[in-house]
Amino acid sequence: MIIIDYQSIIQRSNKLVSSNMDGETVMMSIENGEYFGLNSVGSRMWELIENPIKVNTLIELLLDEFDVSREQCEAETMEFLNHLLDKKLLTIIPAK
């Protein structure tokens, strides 16, 4: 089982087609044809993980943009990222 931690370098999968519609993102998996929808916060996170980024950097960016406590941001970000990983919508970049 792959575990995401704060030092993990992550990037969204390139095996998706996605589109932004009125601040929300709609995606379709090329592999299995499954559709996914993200609200405005999830859509912003999706934008931020287009390129490789450390999880702790992602959290810092979200804290700068949204009025949320660090604890809530960390918990919800990790939950979201693990969900993306479970659905094969996220890849972890091996450390060099």
C-alpha atoms as a PDB file:
ATOM      1  CA  MET A   1       0.000   0.000   0.000  1.00  0.00           C
ATOM      2  CA  ILE A   2       1.331   3.408  -0.978  1.00  0.00           C
ATOM      3  CA  ILE A   3       1.236   6.052   1.725  1.00  0.00           C
ATOM      4  CA  ILE A   4       1.211   9.785   1.120  1.00  0.00           C
ATOM      5  CA  ASP A   5       3.050  11.888   3.679  1.00  0.00           C
ATOM      6  CA  TYR A   6       3.910  15.580   3.923  1.00  0.00           C
ATOM      7  CA  GLN A   7       7.218  15.069   2.101  1.00  0.00           C
ATOM      8  CA  SER A   8       5.684  13.105  -0.788  1.00  0.00           C
ATOM      9  CA  ILE A   9       6.001  14.664  -4.216  1.00  0.00           C
ATOM     10  CA  ILE A  10       2.724  14.254  -6.043  1.00  0.00           C
ATOM     11  CA  GLN A  11       1.264  15.038  -9.438  1.00  0.00           C
ATOM     12  CA  ARG A  12      -2.124  14.475 -10.976  1.00  0.00           C
ATOM     13  CA  SER A  13      -2.437  11.584 -13.382  1.00  0.00           C
ATOM     14  CA  ASN A  14      -2.120  12.276 -17.078  1.00  0.00           C
ATOM     15  CA  LYS A  15      -4.644   9.515 -17.816  1.00  0.00           C
ATOM     16  CA  LEU A  16      -7.603  11.861 -17.445  1.00  0.00           C
ATOM     17  CA  VAL A  17      -9.517  14.325 -19.492  1.00  0.00           C
ATOM     18  CA  SER A  18     -10.644  17.293 -17.415  1.00  0.00           C
ATOM     19  CA  SER A  19     -12.473  20.549 -17.925  1.00  0.00           C
ATOM     20  CA  ASN A  20     -13.294  23.513 -15.711  1.00  0.00           C
ATOM     21  CA  MET A  21     -16.968  24.435 -15.686  1.00  0.00           C
ATOM     22  CA  ASP A  22     -17.979  27.499 -13.655  1.00  0.00           C
ATOM     23  CA  GLY A  23     -15.204  27.015 -11.085  1.00  0.00           C
ATOM     24  CA  GLU A  24     -15.698  23.275 -10.740  1.00  0.00           C
ATOM     25  CA  THR A  25     -13.715  20.544 -12.460  1.00  0.00           C
ATOM     26  CA  VAL A  26     -15.237  17.597 -14.264  1.00  0.00           C
ATOM     27  CA  MET A  27     -12.919  14.713 -15.133  1.00  0.00           C
ATOM     28  CA  MET A  28     -13.122  11.405 -16.943  1.00  0.00           C
ATOM     29  CA  SER A  29     -10.688   8.552 -16.505  1.00  0.00           C
ATOM     30  CA  ILE A  30      -9.357   7.356 -19.852  1.00  0.00           C
ATOM     31  CA  GLU A  31      -8.573   3.956 -18.312  1.00  0.00           C
ATOM     32  CA  ASN A  32     -12.011   3.061 -16.982  1.00  0.00           C
ATOM     33  CA  GLY A  33     -14.423   5.711 -18.292  1.00  0.00           C
ATOM     34  CA  GLU A  34     -15.362   6.791 -14.761  1.00  0.00           C
ATOM     35  CA  TYR A  35     -16.479  10.412 -14.238  1.00  0.00           C
ATOM     36  CA  PHE A  36     -15.438  12.600 -11.305  1.00  0.00           C
ATOM     37  CA  GLY A  37     -16.488  16.059 -10.192  1.00  0.00           C
ATOM     38  CA  LEU A  38     -14.621  18.475  -7.926  1.00  0.00           C
ATOM     39  CA  ASN A  39     -15.967  21.496  -6.071  1.00  0.00           C
ATOM     40  CA  SER A  40     -14.116  24.817  -6.152  1.00  0.00           C
ATOM     41  CA  VAL A  41     -11.588  23.849  -3.444  1.00  0.00           C
ATOM     42  CA  GLY A  42     -10.945  20.444  -5.008  1.00  0.00           C
ATOM     43  CA  SER A  43     -10.618  22.152  -8.385  1.00  0.00           C
ATOM     44  CA  ARG A  44      -7.998  24.519  -7.001  1.00  0.00           C
ATOM     45  CA  MET A  45      -6.069  21.595  -5.552  1.00  0.00           C
ATOM     46  CA  TRP A  46      -6.326  19.842  -8.928  1.00  0.00           C
ATOM     47  CA  GLU A  47      -4.794  22.928 -10.583  1.00  0.00           C
ATOM     48  CA  LEU A  48      -1.968  23.028  -8.041  1.00  0.00           C
ATOM     49  CA  ILE A  49      -0.999  19.389  -8.605  1.00  0.00           C
ATOM     50  CA  GLU A  50      -0.758  19.714 -12.384  1.00  0.00           C
ATOM     51  CA  ASN A  51       3.023  19.736 -11.933  1.00  0.00           C
ATOM     52  CA  PRO A  52       5.019  17.852  -9.298  1.00  0.00           C
ATOM     53  CA  ILE A  53       4.637  19.437  -5.863  1.00  0.00           C
ATOM     54  CA  LYS A  54       5.452  18.417  -2.294  1.00  0.00           C
ATOM     55  CA  VAL A  55       2.393  17.820  -0.150  1.00  0.00           C
ATOM     56  CA  ASN A  56       3.607  20.266   2.513  1.00  0.00           C
ATOM     57  CA  THR A  57       4.039  22.960  -0.177  1.00  0.00           C
ATOM     58  CA  LEU A  58       0.512  22.289  -1.418  1.00  0.00           C
ATOM     59  CA  ILE A  59      -0.835  22.702   2.113  1.00  0.00           C
ATOM     60  CA  GLU A  60       1.027  26.003   2.562  1.00  0.00           C
ATOM     61  CA  LEU A  61      -0.434  27.326  -0.702  1.00  0.00           C
ATOM     62  CA  LEU A  62      -3.939  26.321   0.365  1.00  0.00           C
ATOM     63  CA  LEU A  63      -3.479  27.973   3.770  1.00  0.00           C
ATOM     64  CA  ASP A  64      -2.518  31.205   1.982  1.00  0.00           C
ATOM     65  CA  GLU A  65      -5.612  31.067  -0.243  1.00  0.00           C
ATOM     66  CA  PHE A  66      -8.348  29.782   2.061  1.00  0.00           C
ATOM     67  CA  ASP A  67      -9.581  30.782   5.508  1.00  0.00           C
ATOM     68  CA  VAL A  68      -9.031  27.449   7.236  1.00  0.00           C
ATOM     69  CA  SER A  69      -7.065  26.200  10.230  1.00  0.00           C
ATOM     70  CA  ARG A  70      -3.841  24.293   9.613  1.00  0.00           C
ATOM     71  CA  GLU A  71      -5.298  21.183  11.258  1.00  0.00           C
ATOM     72  CA  GLN A  72      -8.397  21.196   9.064  1.00  0.00           C
ATOM     73  CA  CYS A  73      -6.394  21.956   5.922  1.00  0.00           C
ATOM     74  CA  GLU A  74      -3.928  19.143   6.602  1.00  0.00           C
ATOM     75  CA  ALA A  75      -6.647  16.612   7.422  1.00  0.00           C
ATOM     76  CA  GLU A  76      -8.863  17.446   4.453  1.00  0.00           C
ATOM     77  CA  THR A  77      -5.948  17.694   2.023  1.00  0.00           C
ATOM     78  CA  MET A  78      -4.595  14.295   3.041  1.00  0.00           C
ATOM     79  CA  GLU A  79      -8.072  12.761   2.804  1.00  0.00           C
ATOM     80  CA  PHE A  80      -8.562  14.260  -0.669  1.00  0.00           C
ATOM     81  CA  LEU A  81      -5.127  13.161  -1.901  1.00  0.00           C
ATOM     82  CA  ASN A  82      -5.608   9.623  -0.611  1.00  0.00           C
ATOM     83  CA  HIS A  83      -8.982   9.478  -2.363  1.00  0.00           C
ATOM     84  CA  LEU A  84      -7.335  10.598  -5.614  1.00  0.00           C
ATOM     85  CA  LEU A  85      -4.624   7.987  -5.125  1.00  0.00           C
ATOM     86  CA  ASP A  86      -7.202   5.249  -4.504  1.00  0.00           C
ATOM     87  CA  LYS A  87      -8.961   6.201  -7.748  1.00  0.00           C
ATOM     88  CA  LYS A  88      -5.614   6.283  -9.628  1.00  0.00           C
ATOM     89  CA  LEU A  89      -6.009  10.000 -10.308  1.00  0.00           C
ATOM     90  CA  LEU A  90      -2.752  10.886  -8.564  1.00  0.00           C
ATOM     91  CA  THR A  91       0.812   9.680  -8.875  1.00  0.00           C
ATOM     92  CA  ILE A  92       3.617   9.858  -6.352  1.00  0.00           C
ATOM     93  CA  ILE A  93       6.919  10.930  -7.865  1.00  0.00           C
ATOM     94  CA  PRO A  94       9.852   8.931  -6.469  1.00  0.00           C
ATOM     95  CA  ALA A  95      12.403  11.027  -4.588  1.00  0.00           C
ATOM     96  CA  LYS A  96      15.692  11.478  -6.412  1.00  0.00           C
END
